[in-house]
PDB file of N, CA and C in Angstrom:
ATOM      1  N   MET A   1       0.638  -1.250   0.143  1.00  0.00           N
ATOM      2  CA  MET A   1      -0.154  -0.351  -0.150  1.00  0.00           C
ATOM      3  C   MET A   1       1.261   1.055  -0.005  1.00  0.00           C
ATOM      4  N   PRO A   2       0.629   2.472  -0.495  1.00  0.00           N
ATOM      5  CA  PRO A   2       1.343   3.345  -1.316  1.00  0.00           C
ATOM      6  C   PRO A   2       1.164   4.512   0.064  1.00  0.00           C
ATOM      7  N   GLY A   3       2.516   5.036   0.620  1.00  0.00           N
ATOM      8  CA  GLY A   3       2.881   5.622   1.667  1.00  0.00           C
ATOM      9  C   GLY A   3       2.183   7.128   1.797  1.00  0.00           C
ATOM     10  N   ILE A   4       1.115   8.008   1.654  1.00  0.00           N
ATOM     11  CA  ILE A   4       1.451   9.995   1.858  1.00  0.00           C
ATOM     12  C   ILE A   4       2.554  10.622   3.312  1.00  0.00           C
ATOM     13  N   TYR A   5       3.460  10.831   2.867  1.00  0.00           N
ATOM     14  CA  TYR A   5       4.730  12.153   3.486  1.00  0.00           C
ATOM     15  C   TYR A   5       3.650  13.277   3.889  1.00  0.00           C
ATOM     16  N   ASP A   6       3.849  14.564   5.214  1.00  0.00           N
ATOM     17  CA  ASP A   6       2.937  15.159   5.429  1.00  0.00           C
ATOM     18  C   ASP A   6       4.711  15.699   5.820  1.00  0.00           C
ATOM     19  N   ILE A   7       4.820  17.064   5.040  1.00  0.00           N
ATOM     20  CA  ILE A   7       5.688  17.972   5.900  1.00  0.00           C
ATOM     21  C   ILE A   7       5.099  18.995   6.322  1.00  0.00           C
ATOM     22  N   CYS A   8       5.885  19.619   7.442  1.00  0.00           N
ATOM     23  CA  CYS A   8       5.669  21.067   8.304  1.00  0.00           C
ATOM     24  C   CYS A   8       6.085  21.738   7.933  1.00  0.00           C
ATOM     25  N   VAL A   9       6.284  23.046   7.291  1.00  0.00           N
ATOM     26  CA  VAL A   9       6.951  24.321   7.726  1.00  0.00           C
ATOM     27  C   VAL A   9       6.539  25.882   8.266  1.00  0.00           C
ATOM     28  N   GLN A  10       6.913  26.520   9.135  1.00  0.00           N
ATOM     29  CA  GLN A  10       6.279  27.273  10.335  1.00  0.00           C
ATOM     30  C   GLN A  10       7.064  28.610   9.641  1.00  0.00           C
ATOM     31  N   ASP A  11       6.180  29.720   9.201  1.00  0.00           N
ATOM     32  CA  ASP A  11       7.627  31.165   9.897  1.00  0.00           C
ATOM     33  C   ASP A  11       6.192  32.076  10.287  1.00  0.00           C
ATOM     34  N   HIS A  12       6.898  33.474  10.230  1.00  0.00           N
ATOM     35  CA  HIS A  12       6.167  34.201  10.515  1.00  0.00           C
ATOM     36  C   HIS A  12       6.456  35.402  10.104  1.00  0.00           C
ATOM     37  N   PHE A  13       5.458  36.807  10.025  1.00  0.00           N
ATOM     38  CA  PHE A  13       5.386  37.429   9.858  1.00  0.00           C
ATOM     39  C   PHE A  13       4.583  38.799  10.597  1.00  0.00           C
ATOM     40  N   ALA A  14       5.093  39.913  10.720  1.00  0.00           N
ATOM     41  CA  ALA A  14       4.292  41.204  11.241  1.00  0.00           C
ATOM     42  C   ALA A  14       3.466  41.887  10.535  1.00  0.00           C
ATOM     43  N   ALA A  15       2.044  42.352  10.338  1.00  0.00           N
ATOM     44  CA  ALA A  15       1.123  43.078   9.711  1.00  0.00           C
ATOM     45  C   ALA A  15       0.100  43.869  10.428  1.00  0.00           C
ATOM     46  N   ALA A  16      -0.152  45.024   9.740  1.00  0.00           N
ATOM     47  CA  ALA A  16      -2.285  45.433  10.639  1.00  0.00           C
ATOM     48  C   ALA A  16      -1.999  45.410   9.876  1.00  0.00           C
ATOM     49  N   HIS A  17      -3.692  45.649   9.997  1.00  0.00           N
ATOM     50  CA  HIS A  17      -4.620  44.732   9.115  1.00  0.00           C
ATOM     51  C   HIS A  17      -6.085  46.189   9.527  1.00  0.00           C
ATOM     52  N   SER A  18      -7.227  45.911   9.695  1.00  0.00           N
ATOM     53  CA  SER A  18      -8.631  45.858   9.884  1.00  0.00           C
ATOM     54  C   SER A  18      -9.874  45.693   9.557  1.00  0.00           C
ATOM     55  N   LEU A  19     -11.096  45.126   9.871  1.00  0.00           N
ATOM     56  CA  LEU A  19     -11.791  44.637   9.818  1.00  0.00           C
ATOM     57  C   LEU A  19     -13.193  45.334   8.965  1.00  0.00           C
ATOM     58  N   ARG A  20     -13.351  45.684   8.025  1.00  0.00           N
ATOM     59  CA  ARG A  20     -14.059  46.182   7.356  1.00  0.00           C
ATOM     60  C   ARG A  20     -15.838  45.960   7.871  1.00  0.00           C
ATOM     61  N   GLY A  21     -16.140  46.670   8.188  1.00  0.00           N
ATOM     62  CA  GLY A  21     -17.962  46.210   8.709  1.00  0.00           C
ATOM     63  C   GLY A  21     -17.894  45.741   9.975  1.00  0.00           C
ATOM     64  N   TYR A  22     -17.143  45.665  10.610  1.00  0.00           N
ATOM     65  CA  TYR A  22     -16.231  44.756  11.988  1.00  0.00           C
ATOM     66  C   TYR A  22     -17.034  45.337  13.192  1.00  0.00           C
ATOM     67  N   ASP A  23     -18.803  45.448  13.527  1.00  0.00           N
ATOM     68  CA  ASP A  23     -18.794  46.162  15.065  1.00  0.00           C
ATOM     69  C   ASP A  23     -18.046  45.565  16.279  1.00  0.00           C
ATOM     70  N   GLY A  24     -16.655  46.327  16.809  1.00  0.00           N
ATOM     71  CA  GLY A  24     -15.902  46.530  17.447  1.00  0.00           C
ATOM     72  C   GLY A  24     -14.237  46.696  17.509  1.00  0.00           C
ATOM     73  N   ASN A  25     -13.809  46.235  18.034  1.00  0.00           N
ATOM     74  CA  ASN A  25     -11.748  47.233  18.024  1.00  0.00           C
ATOM     75  C   ASN A  25     -11.328  46.374  16.926  1.00  0.00           C
ATOM     76  N   CYS A  26     -11.757  45.804  16.777  1.00  0.00           N
ATOM     77  CA  CYS A  26     -10.705  44.800  15.313  1.00  0.00           C
ATOM     78  C   CYS A  26     -11.178  45.709  13.878  1.00  0.00           C
ATOM     79  N   SER A  27     -12.573  46.694  13.774  1.00  0.00           N
ATOM     80  CA  SER A  27     -12.429  47.332  12.489  1.00  0.00           C
ATOM     81  C   SER A  27     -11.607  49.094  12.948  1.00  0.00           C
ATOM     82  N   ASN A  28     -10.672  49.425  13.544  1.00  0.00           N
ATOM     83  CA  ASN A  28      -9.434  49.601  14.298  1.00  0.00           C
ATOM     84  C   ASN A  28      -8.356  49.304  13.383  1.00  0.00           C
ATOM     85  N   LEU A  29      -7.361  50.207  13.007  1.00  0.00           N
ATOM     86  CA  LEU A  29      -5.983  49.644  12.829  1.00  0.00           C
ATOM     87  C   LEU A  29      -5.626  49.631  13.414  1.00  0.00           C
ATOM     88  N   HIS A  30      -4.808  47.665  13.137  1.00  0.00           N
ATOM     89  CA  HIS A  30      -4.061  47.215  14.935  1.00  0.00           C
ATOM     90  C   HIS A  30      -2.979  45.486  14.391  1.00  0.00           C
ATOM     91  N   GLY A  31      -2.304  45.506  14.970  1.00  0.00           N
ATOM     92  CA  GLY A  31      -0.718  45.087  13.810  1.00  0.00           C
ATOM     93  C   GLY A  31      -1.186  43.466  14.619  1.00  0.00           C
ATOM     94  N   HIS A  32      -0.222  42.496  14.496  1.00  0.00           N
ATOM     95  CA  HIS A  32       0.395  40.431  14.723  1.00  0.00           C
ATOM     96  C   HIS A  32       0.714  40.528  13.903  1.00  0.00           C
ATOM     97  N   ASN A  33       2.008  39.912  14.755  1.00  0.00           N
ATOM     98  CA  ASN A  33       2.948  38.943  14.664  1.00  0.00           C
ATOM     99  C   ASN A  33       2.077  37.470  13.765  1.00  0.00           C
ATOM    100  N   TRP A  34       1.622  37.374  12.905  1.00  0.00           N
ATOM    101  CA  TRP A  34       1.240  36.264  12.623  1.00  0.00           C
ATOM    102  C   TRP A  34       2.240  34.967  12.245  1.00  0.00           C
ATOM    103  N   VAL A  35       1.581  34.030  12.117  1.00  0.00           N
ATOM    104  CA  VAL A  35       2.235  32.775  12.747  1.00  0.00           C
ATOM    105  C   VAL A  35       1.763  32.155  11.334  1.00  0.00           C
ATOM    106  N   ILE A  36       2.200  31.062  10.571  1.00  0.00           N
ATOM    107  CA  ILE A  36       1.680  30.033   9.432  1.00  0.00           C
ATOM    108  C   ILE A  36       2.850  29.354   9.899  1.00  0.00           C
ATOM    109  N   GLU A  37       2.040  28.118   9.087  1.00  0.00           N
ATOM    110  CA  GLU A  37       2.448  26.607   8.817  1.00  0.00           C
ATOM    111  C   GLU A  37       1.741  26.314   7.579  1.00  0.00           C
ATOM    112  N   ALA A  38       2.639  26.312   6.975  1.00  0.00           N
ATOM    113  CA  ALA A  38       3.342  25.112   5.065  1.00  0.00           C
ATOM    114  C   ALA A  38       2.829  23.744   5.576  1.00  0.00           C
ATOM    115  N   HIS A  39       1.992  23.270   4.888  1.00  0.00           N
ATOM    116  CA  HIS A  39       1.566  22.161   5.482  1.00  0.00           C
ATOM    117  C   HIS A  39       1.654  20.736   3.955  1.00  0.00           C
ATOM    118  N   ILE A  40       2.523  20.187   3.479  1.00  0.00           N
ATOM    119  CA  ILE A  40       2.861  20.162   2.351  1.00  0.00           C
ATOM    120  C   ILE A  40       3.019  17.839   2.472  1.00  0.00           C
ATOM    121  N   ARG A  41       2.067  17.622   1.555  1.00  0.00           N
ATOM    122  CA  ARG A  41       2.023  16.481   1.343  1.00  0.00           C
ATOM    123  C   ARG A  41       2.584  15.751  -0.370  1.00  0.00           C
ATOM    124  N   CYS A  42       3.477  14.649  -0.025  1.00  0.00           N
ATOM    125  CA  CYS A  42       3.961  14.828  -0.636  1.00  0.00           C
ATOM    126  C   CYS A  42       4.057  12.491  -0.758  1.00  0.00           C
ATOM    127  N   THR A  43       3.678  12.356  -2.235  1.00  0.00           N
ATOM    128  CA  THR A  43       3.566  10.637  -2.182  1.00  0.00           C
ATOM    129  C   THR A  43       4.249   9.953  -3.247  1.00  0.00           C
ATOM    130  N   LYS A  44       4.997  10.182  -3.108  1.00  0.00           N
ATOM    131  CA  LYS A  44       6.821   9.789  -3.292  1.00  0.00           C
ATOM    132  C   LYS A  44       7.653  10.280  -3.218  1.00  0.00           C
ATOM    133  N   LEU A  45       9.086   9.535  -2.822  1.00  0.00           N
ATOM    134  CA  LEU A  45      10.279  10.078  -2.066  1.00  0.00           C
ATOM    135  C   LEU A  45      11.328   9.944  -2.972  1.00  0.00           C
ATOM    136  N   ASN A  46      12.172  10.974  -3.338  1.00  0.00           N
ATOM    137  CA  ASN A  46      13.404  11.163  -3.658  1.00  0.00           C
ATOM    138  C   ASN A  46      14.297  10.517  -3.703  1.00  0.00           C
ATOM    139  N   GLN A  47      15.892  10.706  -4.682  1.00  0.00           N
ATOM    140  CA  GLN A  47      16.827   9.256  -4.070  1.00  0.00           C
ATOM    141  C   GLN A  47      17.329   9.723  -2.875  1.00  0.00           C
ATOM    142  N   LEU A  48      17.311  10.941  -2.714  1.00  0.00           N
ATOM    143  CA  LEU A  48      17.827  11.149  -1.151  1.00  0.00           C
ATOM    144  C   LEU A  48      16.494  10.435   0.281  1.00  0.00           C
ATOM    145  N   GLY A  49      16.196  10.320  -0.581  1.00  0.00           N
ATOM    146  CA  GLY A  49      14.532   9.579   0.573  1.00  0.00           C
ATOM    147  C   GLY A  49      13.384  11.089   0.710  1.00  0.00           C
ATOM    148  N   MET A  50      13.419  12.376   0.460  1.00  0.00           N
ATOM    149  CA  MET A  50      12.426  13.218   0.659  1.00  0.00           C
ATOM    150  C   MET A  50      11.466  13.495  -0.042  1.00  0.00           C
ATOM    151  N   GLY A  51      10.598  13.795   0.555  1.00  0.00           N
ATOM    152  CA  GLY A  51       8.979  14.226  -0.627  1.00  0.00           C
ATOM    153  C   GLY A  51       9.401  15.802  -0.938  1.00  0.00           C
ATOM    154  N   ILE A  52      10.123  16.478  -0.540  1.00  0.00           N
ATOM    155  CA  ILE A  52      10.158  18.114  -1.062  1.00  0.00           C
ATOM    156  C   ILE A  52      11.635  18.527   0.133  1.00  0.00           C
ATOM    157  N   ASP A  53      11.998  19.459  -0.304  1.00  0.00           N
ATOM    158  CA  ASP A  53      13.695  20.124   0.427  1.00  0.00           C
ATOM    159  C   ASP A  53      13.103  21.095   0.955  1.00  0.00           C
ATOM    160  N   PHE A  54      12.926  20.966   2.547  1.00  0.00           N
ATOM    161  CA  PHE A  54      12.324  21.619   3.723  1.00  0.00           C
ATOM    162  C   PHE A  54      13.113  23.362   3.063  1.00  0.00           C
ATOM    163  N   ARG A  55      14.356  23.251   2.459  1.00  0.00           N
ATOM    164  CA  ARG A  55      14.508  24.759   2.149  1.00  0.00           C
ATOM    165  C   ARG A  55      14.127  25.211   0.413  1.00  0.00           C
ATOM    166  N   ASP A  56      13.244  24.435   0.101  1.00  0.00           N
ATOM    167  CA  ASP A  56      13.046  24.680  -1.804  1.00  0.00           C
ATOM    168  C   ASP A  56      11.543  24.700  -0.707  1.00  0.00           C
ATOM    169  N   VAL A  57      10.928  24.901   0.231  1.00  0.00           N
ATOM    170  CA  VAL A  57       9.597  25.099   0.549  1.00  0.00           C
ATOM    171  C   VAL A  57       9.639  26.284   1.717  1.00  0.00           C
ATOM    172  N   LYS A  58       9.957  26.741   2.619  1.00  0.00           N
ATOM    173  CA  LYS A  58      11.045  27.316   3.236  1.00  0.00           C
ATOM    174  C   LYS A  58      11.311  28.946   2.313  1.00  0.00           C
ATOM    175  N   GLY A  59      12.367  28.275   1.208  1.00  0.00           N
ATOM    176  CA  GLY A  59      12.279  29.435  -0.060  1.00  0.00           C
ATOM    177  C   GLY A  59      11.176  30.736  -0.233  1.00  0.00           C
ATOM    178  N   VAL A  60      10.540  29.176  -0.677  1.00  0.00           N
ATOM    179  CA  VAL A  60       8.237  29.642  -1.780  1.00  0.00           C
ATOM    180  C   VAL A  60       8.011  30.439  -0.217  1.00  0.00           C
ATOM    181  N   VAL A  61       7.747  29.866   1.070  1.00  0.00           N
ATOM    182  CA  VAL A  61       7.393  30.729   2.319  1.00  0.00           C
ATOM    183  C   VAL A  61       7.913  31.753   1.990  1.00  0.00           C
ATOM    184  N   LYS A  62       8.801  32.179   2.329  1.00  0.00           N
ATOM    185  CA  LYS A  62       9.332  33.153   2.912  1.00  0.00           C
ATOM    186  C   LYS A  62       9.016  34.436   2.212  1.00  0.00           C
ATOM    187  N   ASP A  63       9.057  33.626   0.425  1.00  0.00           N
ATOM    188  CA  ASP A  63       9.245  34.653  -1.174  1.00  0.00           C
ATOM    189  C   ASP A  63       7.864  35.400  -0.964  1.00  0.00           C
ATOM    190  N   VAL A  64       6.370  34.557  -1.019  1.00  0.00           N
ATOM    191  CA  VAL A  64       5.052  35.010  -0.477  1.00  0.00           C
ATOM    192  C   VAL A  64       4.895  35.568   0.708  1.00  0.00           C
ATOM    193  N   LEU A  65       5.843  35.665   1.589  1.00  0.00           N
ATOM    194  CA  LEU A  65       5.617  35.986   3.089  1.00  0.00           C
ATOM    195  C   LEU A  65       5.863  37.834   2.842  1.00  0.00           C
ATOM    196  N   SER A  66       7.296  37.569   2.094  1.00  0.00           N
ATOM    197  CA  SER A  66       7.950  39.084   1.382  1.00  0.00           C
ATOM    198  C   SER A  66       6.692  40.466   1.278  1.00  0.00           C
ATOM    199  N   LYS A  67       5.587  39.779   0.295  1.00  0.00           N
ATOM    200  CA  LYS A  67       5.360  40.752   0.136  1.00  0.00           C
ATOM    201  C   LYS A  67       3.661  41.416   0.589  1.00  0.00           C
ATOM    202  N   LEU A  68       3.583  40.325   2.100  1.00  0.00           N
ATOM    203  CA  LEU A  68       2.773  40.929   3.466  1.00  0.00           C
ATOM    204  C   LEU A  68       3.435  41.466   4.932  1.00  0.00           C
ATOM    205  N   ASP A  69       4.326  41.572   5.179  1.00  0.00           N
ATOM    206  CA  ASP A  69       5.344  41.449   5.623  1.00  0.00           C
ATOM    207  C   ASP A  69       5.269  43.165   5.693  1.00  0.00           C
ATOM    208  N   HIS A  70       5.356  43.708   7.254  1.00  0.00           N
ATOM    209  CA  HIS A  70       5.328  44.678   7.134  1.00  0.00           C
ATOM    210  C   HIS A  70       4.294  45.491   6.694  1.00  0.00           C
ATOM    211  N   THR A  71       3.176  45.620   6.326  1.00  0.00           N
ATOM    212  CA  THR A  71       2.556  46.630   5.306  1.00  0.00           C
ATOM    213  C   THR A  71       1.586  46.589   6.281  1.00  0.00           C
ATOM    214  N   ASN A  72       0.224  46.796   5.724  1.00  0.00           N
ATOM    215  CA  ASN A  72      -1.369  47.392   5.746  1.00  0.00           C
ATOM    216  C   ASN A  72      -1.506  45.805   5.212  1.00  0.00           C
ATOM    217  N   LEU A  73      -2.013  44.905   5.409  1.00  0.00           N
ATOM    218  CA  LEU A  73      -3.334  44.063   4.328  1.00  0.00           C
ATOM    219  C   LEU A  73      -3.741  44.350   3.784  1.00  0.00           C
ATOM    220  N   ASN A  74      -4.715  45.959   4.693  1.00  0.00           N
ATOM    221  CA  ASN A  74      -6.110  46.105   3.535  1.00  0.00           C
ATOM    222  C   ASN A  74      -5.254  46.999   2.624  1.00  0.00           C
ATOM    223  N   GLU A  75      -4.247  47.334   2.598  1.00  0.00           N
ATOM    224  CA  GLU A  75      -4.174  47.929   1.140  1.00  0.00           C
ATOM    225  C   GLU A  75      -2.732  47.414   0.112  1.00  0.00           C
ATOM    226  N   VAL A  76      -2.565  45.804   0.161  1.00  0.00           N
ATOM    227  CA  VAL A  76      -2.384  45.047  -0.334  1.00  0.00           C
ATOM    228  C   VAL A  76      -3.398  43.982  -1.197  1.00  0.00           C
ATOM    229  N   ALA A  77      -3.283  43.846  -2.730  1.00  0.00           N
ATOM    230  CA  ALA A  77      -4.247  43.844  -4.027  1.00  0.00           C
ATOM    231  C   ALA A  77      -5.017  42.911  -3.731  1.00  0.00           C
ATOM    232  N   GLU A  78      -4.788  41.978  -3.389  1.00  0.00           N
ATOM    233  CA  GLU A  78      -6.208  40.984  -2.951  1.00  0.00           C
ATOM    234  C   GLU A  78      -6.184  41.429  -1.698  1.00  0.00           C
ATOM    235  N   PHE A  79      -6.340  42.053  -1.204  1.00  0.00           N
ATOM    236  CA  PHE A  79      -7.500  41.778  -0.155  1.00  0.00           C
ATOM    237  C   PHE A  79      -8.584  43.428  -0.366  1.00  0.00           C
ATOM    238  N   GLY A  80      -8.208  43.831  -1.428  1.00  0.00           N
ATOM    239  CA  GLY A  80      -8.844  45.166  -1.313  1.00  0.00           C
ATOM    240  C   GLY A  80     -10.298  45.525  -1.702  1.00  0.00           C
ATOM    241  N   SER A  81     -10.821  43.885  -1.686  1.00  0.00           N
ATOM    242  CA  SER A  81     -12.323  43.926  -1.461  1.00  0.00           C
ATOM    243  C   SER A  81     -13.033  42.986  -1.343  1.00  0.00           C
ATOM    244  N   ILE A  82     -11.810  42.272  -0.014  1.00  0.00           N
ATOM    245  CA  ILE A  82     -11.972  40.902   1.030  1.00  0.00           C
ATOM    246  C   ILE A  82     -11.075  41.509   2.120  1.00  0.00           C
ATOM    247  N   ASN A  83     -11.624  40.951   3.758  1.00  0.00           N
ATOM    248  CA  ASN A  83     -11.594  41.671   4.548  1.00  0.00           C
ATOM    249  C   ASN A  83      -9.865  40.454   5.009  1.00  0.00           C
ATOM    250  N   PRO A  84      -9.175  41.594   4.922  1.00  0.00           N
ATOM    251  CA  PRO A  84      -7.643  40.277   6.042  1.00  0.00           C
ATOM    252  C   PRO A  84      -8.058  39.976   7.253  1.00  0.00           C
ATOM    253  N   THR A  85      -8.792  38.635   6.935  1.00  0.00           N
ATOM    254  CA  THR A  85      -9.125  37.415   8.402  1.00  0.00           C
ATOM    255  C   THR A  85      -8.262  37.279   7.953  1.00  0.00           C
ATOM    256  N   ALA A  86      -7.670  35.936   9.010  1.00  0.00           N
ATOM    257  CA  ALA A  86      -7.124  34.655   8.348  1.00  0.00           C
ATOM    258  C   ALA A  86      -7.538  34.021   8.164  1.00  0.00           C
ATOM    259  N   GLU A  87      -8.649  33.477   7.821  1.00  0.00           N
ATOM    260  CA  GLU A  87      -9.857  32.580   7.285  1.00  0.00           C
ATOM    261  C   GLU A  87      -9.041  32.635   5.286  1.00  0.00           C
ATOM    262  N   ASN A  88      -9.015  34.639   5.230  1.00  0.00           N
ATOM    263  CA  ASN A  88      -8.796  34.775   3.467  1.00  0.00           C
ATOM    264  C   ASN A  88      -7.127  35.284   3.889  1.00  0.00           C
ATOM    265  N   LEU A  89      -6.496  35.111   4.594  1.00  0.00           N
ATOM    266  CA  LEU A  89      -5.384  35.400   4.430  1.00  0.00           C
ATOM    267  C   LEU A  89      -5.101  33.338   4.046  1.00  0.00           C
ATOM    268  N   ALA A  90      -5.026  32.872   5.287  1.00  0.00           N
ATOM    269  CA  ALA A  90      -5.242  31.373   4.782  1.00  0.00           C
ATOM    270  C   ALA A  90      -5.530  31.134   3.573  1.00  0.00           C
ATOM    271  N   LYS A  91      -6.218  31.228   2.754  1.00  0.00           N
ATOM    272  CA  LYS A  91      -6.978  30.769   2.001  1.00  0.00           C
ATOM    273  C   LYS A  91      -5.699  31.266   0.065  1.00  0.00           C
ATOM    274  N   PHE A  92      -5.650  32.964   0.712  1.00  0.00           N
ATOM    275  CA  PHE A  92      -4.400  32.891  -0.545  1.00  0.00           C
ATOM    276  C   PHE A  92      -3.369  32.179   0.031  1.00  0.00           C
ATOM    277  N   LEU A  93      -2.462  32.454   0.864  1.00  0.00           N
ATOM    278  CA  LEU A  93      -1.659  31.690   1.188  1.00  0.00           C
ATOM    279  C   LEU A  93      -1.835  30.145   0.672  1.00  0.00           C
ATOM    280  N   TYR A  94      -2.711  28.953   0.688  1.00  0.00           N
ATOM    281  CA  TYR A  94      -2.851  28.124   0.146  1.00  0.00           C
ATOM    282  C   TYR A  94      -2.971  28.243  -1.496  1.00  0.00           C
ATOM    283  N   SER A  95      -3.046  29.136  -1.959  1.00  0.00           N
ATOM    284  CA  SER A  95      -3.710  29.393  -3.818  1.00  0.00           C
ATOM    285  C   SER A  95      -2.177  29.885  -3.815  1.00  0.00           C
ATOM    286  N   GLU A  96      -1.319  31.191  -3.038  1.00  0.00           N
ATOM    287  CA  GLU A  96      -0.015  31.265  -3.801  1.00  0.00           C
ATOM    288  C   GLU A  96       0.885  29.533  -4.214  1.00  0.00           C
ATOM    289  N   LEU A  97       0.787  29.790  -2.400  1.00  0.00           N
ATOM    290  CA  LEU A  97       2.059  28.363  -2.761  1.00  0.00           C
ATOM    291  C   LEU A  97       1.481  27.079  -3.586  1.00  0.00           C
ATOM    292  N   SER A  98       0.091  26.773  -3.234  1.00  0.00           N
ATOM    293  CA  SER A  98       0.442  25.597  -4.461  1.00  0.00           C
ATOM    294  C   SER A  98       0.490  25.996  -5.854  1.00  0.00           C
ATOM    295  N   ARG A  99       0.358  26.697  -6.055  1.00  0.00           N
ATOM    296  CA  ARG A  99       0.331  27.767  -7.579  1.00  0.00           C
ATOM    297  C   ARG A  99       2.895  27.468  -7.956  1.00  0.00           C
ATOM    298  N   ARG A 100       3.231  27.809  -6.760  1.00  0.00           N
ATOM    299  CA  ARG A 100       4.869  27.894  -7.224  1.00  0.00           C
ATOM    300  C   ARG A 100       4.781  26.506  -7.138  1.00  0.00           C
ATOM    301  N   LEU A 101       4.485  25.220  -5.695  1.00  0.00           N
ATOM    302  CA  LEU A 101       4.888  23.745  -5.075  1.00  0.00           C
ATOM    303  C   LEU A 101       4.352  22.898  -5.832  1.00  0.00           C
ATOM    304  N   ASN A 102       2.998  23.209  -6.000  1.00  0.00           N
ATOM    305  CA  ASN A 102       2.479  21.652  -6.196  1.00  0.00           C
ATOM    306  C   ASN A 102       3.236  21.205  -7.894  1.00  0.00           C
ATOM    307  N   THR A 103       2.972  19.435  -7.807  1.00  0.00           N
ATOM    308  CA  THR A 103       3.215  18.623  -8.625  1.00  0.00           C
ATOM    309  C   THR A 103       2.429  17.740  -8.919  1.00  0.00           C
ATOM    310  N   GLU A 104       2.985  16.708 -10.119  1.00  0.00           N
ATOM    311  CA  GLU A 104       2.567  15.759  -9.624  1.00  0.00           C
ATOM    312  C   GLU A 104       1.966  14.437  -8.497  1.00  0.00           C
ATOM    313  N   PHE A 105       3.994  14.761  -7.710  1.00  0.00           N
ATOM    314  CA  PHE A 105       3.880  14.012  -6.530  1.00  0.00           C
ATOM    315  C   PHE A 105       3.712  14.929  -5.245  1.00  0.00           C
ATOM    316  N   ILE A 106       3.802  16.185  -5.313  1.00  0.00           N
ATOM    317  CA  ILE A 106       3.713  16.993  -3.172  1.00  0.00           C
ATOM    318  C   ILE A 106       2.654  17.769  -4.118  1.00  0.00           C
ATOM    319  N   LYS A 107       2.022  18.106  -2.862  1.00  0.00           N
ATOM    320  CA  LYS A 107       0.765  19.142  -2.754  1.00  0.00           C
ATOM    321  C   LYS A 107       0.751  19.722  -2.079  1.00  0.00           C
ATOM    322  N   VAL A 108       0.102  21.147  -1.560  1.00  0.00           N
ATOM    323  CA  VAL A 108       0.091  21.648  -0.295  1.00  0.00           C
ATOM    324  C   VAL A 108      -1.230  21.234   0.014  1.00  0.00           C
ATOM    325  N   GLN A 109      -1.499  20.502   1.160  1.00  0.00           N
ATOM    326  CA  GLN A 109      -2.356  20.420   1.880  1.00  0.00           C
ATOM    327  C   GLN A 109      -3.075  21.626   2.333  1.00  0.00           C
ATOM    328  N   LYS A 110      -2.653  22.453   3.515  1.00  0.00           N
ATOM    329  CA  LYS A 110      -3.522  22.758   4.288  1.00  0.00           C
ATOM    330  C   LYS A 110      -1.934  24.213   4.783  1.00  0.00           C
ATOM    331  N   ILE A 111      -3.191  25.147   4.781  1.00  0.00           N
ATOM    332  CA  ILE A 111      -1.955  26.601   5.735  1.00  0.00           C
ATOM    333  C   ILE A 111      -3.019  26.640   7.353  1.00  0.00           C
ATOM    334  N   MET A 112      -2.513  26.645   7.898  1.00  0.00           N
ATOM    335  CA  MET A 112      -2.802  27.000   9.224  1.00  0.00           C
ATOM    336  C   MET A 112      -2.034  28.840   8.529  1.00  0.00           C
ATOM    337  N   VAL A 113      -2.822  29.349   9.694  1.00  0.00           N
ATOM    338  CA  VAL A 113      -2.604  31.052   9.764  1.00  0.00           C
ATOM    339  C   VAL A 113      -2.871  31.346  11.441  1.00  0.00           C
ATOM    340  N   PHE A 114      -2.245  32.177  12.247  1.00  0.00           N
ATOM    341  CA  PHE A 114      -2.492  32.422  13.740  1.00  0.00           C
ATOM    342  C   PHE A 114      -2.261  33.387  13.518  1.00  0.00           C
ATOM    343  N   GLU A 115      -3.359  34.417  14.081  1.00  0.00           N
ATOM    344  CA  GLU A 115      -3.045  35.728  14.206  1.00  0.00           C
ATOM    345  C   GLU A 115      -3.028  36.309  15.473  1.00  0.00           C
ATOM    346  N   SER A 116      -2.732  35.425  16.392  1.00  0.00           N
ATOM    347  CA  SER A 116      -2.308  35.676  17.779  1.00  0.00           C
ATOM    348  C   SER A 116      -2.628  33.574  18.291  1.00  0.00           C
ATOM    349  N   PRO A 117      -1.813  34.247  19.347  1.00  0.00           N
ATOM    350  CA  PRO A 117      -1.079  32.836  20.123  1.00  0.00           C
ATOM    351  C   PRO A 117      -3.178  31.530  20.726  1.00  0.00           C
ATOM    352  N   GLY A 118      -2.809  30.853  19.349  1.00  0.00           N
ATOM    353  CA  GLY A 118      -4.048  30.155  19.841  1.00  0.00           C
ATOM    354  C   GLY A 118      -5.467  30.231  19.174  1.00  0.00           C
ATOM    355  N   CYS A 119      -5.229  31.503  18.754  1.00  0.00           N
ATOM    356  CA  CYS A 119      -6.400  31.846  17.313  1.00  0.00           C
ATOM    357  C   CYS A 119      -5.806  31.744  16.143  1.00  0.00           C
ATOM    358  N   GLY A 120      -6.269  30.900  15.370  1.00  0.00           N
ATOM    359  CA  GLY A 120      -6.073  30.837  14.040  1.00  0.00           C
ATOM    360  C   GLY A 120      -6.784  30.038  13.413  1.00  0.00           C
ATOM    361  N   SER A 121      -7.273  30.103  12.046  1.00  0.00           N
ATOM    362  CA  SER A 121      -6.859  29.307  10.969  1.00  0.00           C
ATOM    363  C   SER A 121      -6.714  28.421  10.056  1.00  0.00           C
ATOM    364  N   SER A 122      -7.831  27.752   9.657  1.00  0.00           N
ATOM    365  CA  SER A 122      -7.382  27.243   8.348  1.00  0.00           C
ATOM    366  C   SER A 122      -7.094  26.885   7.002  1.00  0.00           C
ATOM    367  N   TYR A 123      -6.960  26.725   5.822  1.00  0.00           N
ATOM    368  CA  TYR A 123      -8.273  26.137   4.680  1.00  0.00           C
ATOM    369  C   TYR A 123      -6.980  25.485   4.269  1.00  0.00           C
ATOM    370  N   GLN A 124      -8.060  24.205   3.576  1.00  0.00           N
ATOM    371  CA  GLN A 124      -7.131  23.280   2.418  1.00  0.00           C
ATOM    372  C   GLN A 124      -8.526  22.924   1.598  1.00  0.00           C
ATOM    373  N   GLU A 125      -8.402  22.490   0.343  1.00  0.00           N
ATOM    374  CA  GLU A 125      -9.728  22.359  -0.954  1.00  0.00           C
ATOM    375  C   GLU A 125      -9.805  20.305  -0.579  1.00  0.00           C
ATOM    376  N   ILE A 126     -10.781  20.174  -1.342  1.00  0.00           N
ATOM    377  CA  ILE A 126     -11.074  18.878  -0.717  1.00  0.00           C
ATOM    378  C   ILE A 126     -11.030  18.387  -1.602  1.00  0.00           C
TER     379      ILE A 126
END
């Protein structure tokens, strides 16, 4: 029976946001030290016994997060018409990482986004 390997890479970035239409303090501009986890599923190992090199995943994650780091997320084009919530950030990161990492044997499985310790959201496709 073929196996499945899941790897996880964690990274972080700092950014501000405000939630449009929200009735509460989060409608004001405020910042977070966001933590993300990228979960990658691999169905085949290479000759070294790796599904994908952590270094390769980290490089792509850092590149995508560099677009968000030290910004007001409301001013990032992808969040011009939707709120930059943890949920919407998770979906955005899933799409960006999938576009850059997915192959026949490698697939972004899930993205977790934490806006504060113990509070986060994940996105994955069925």
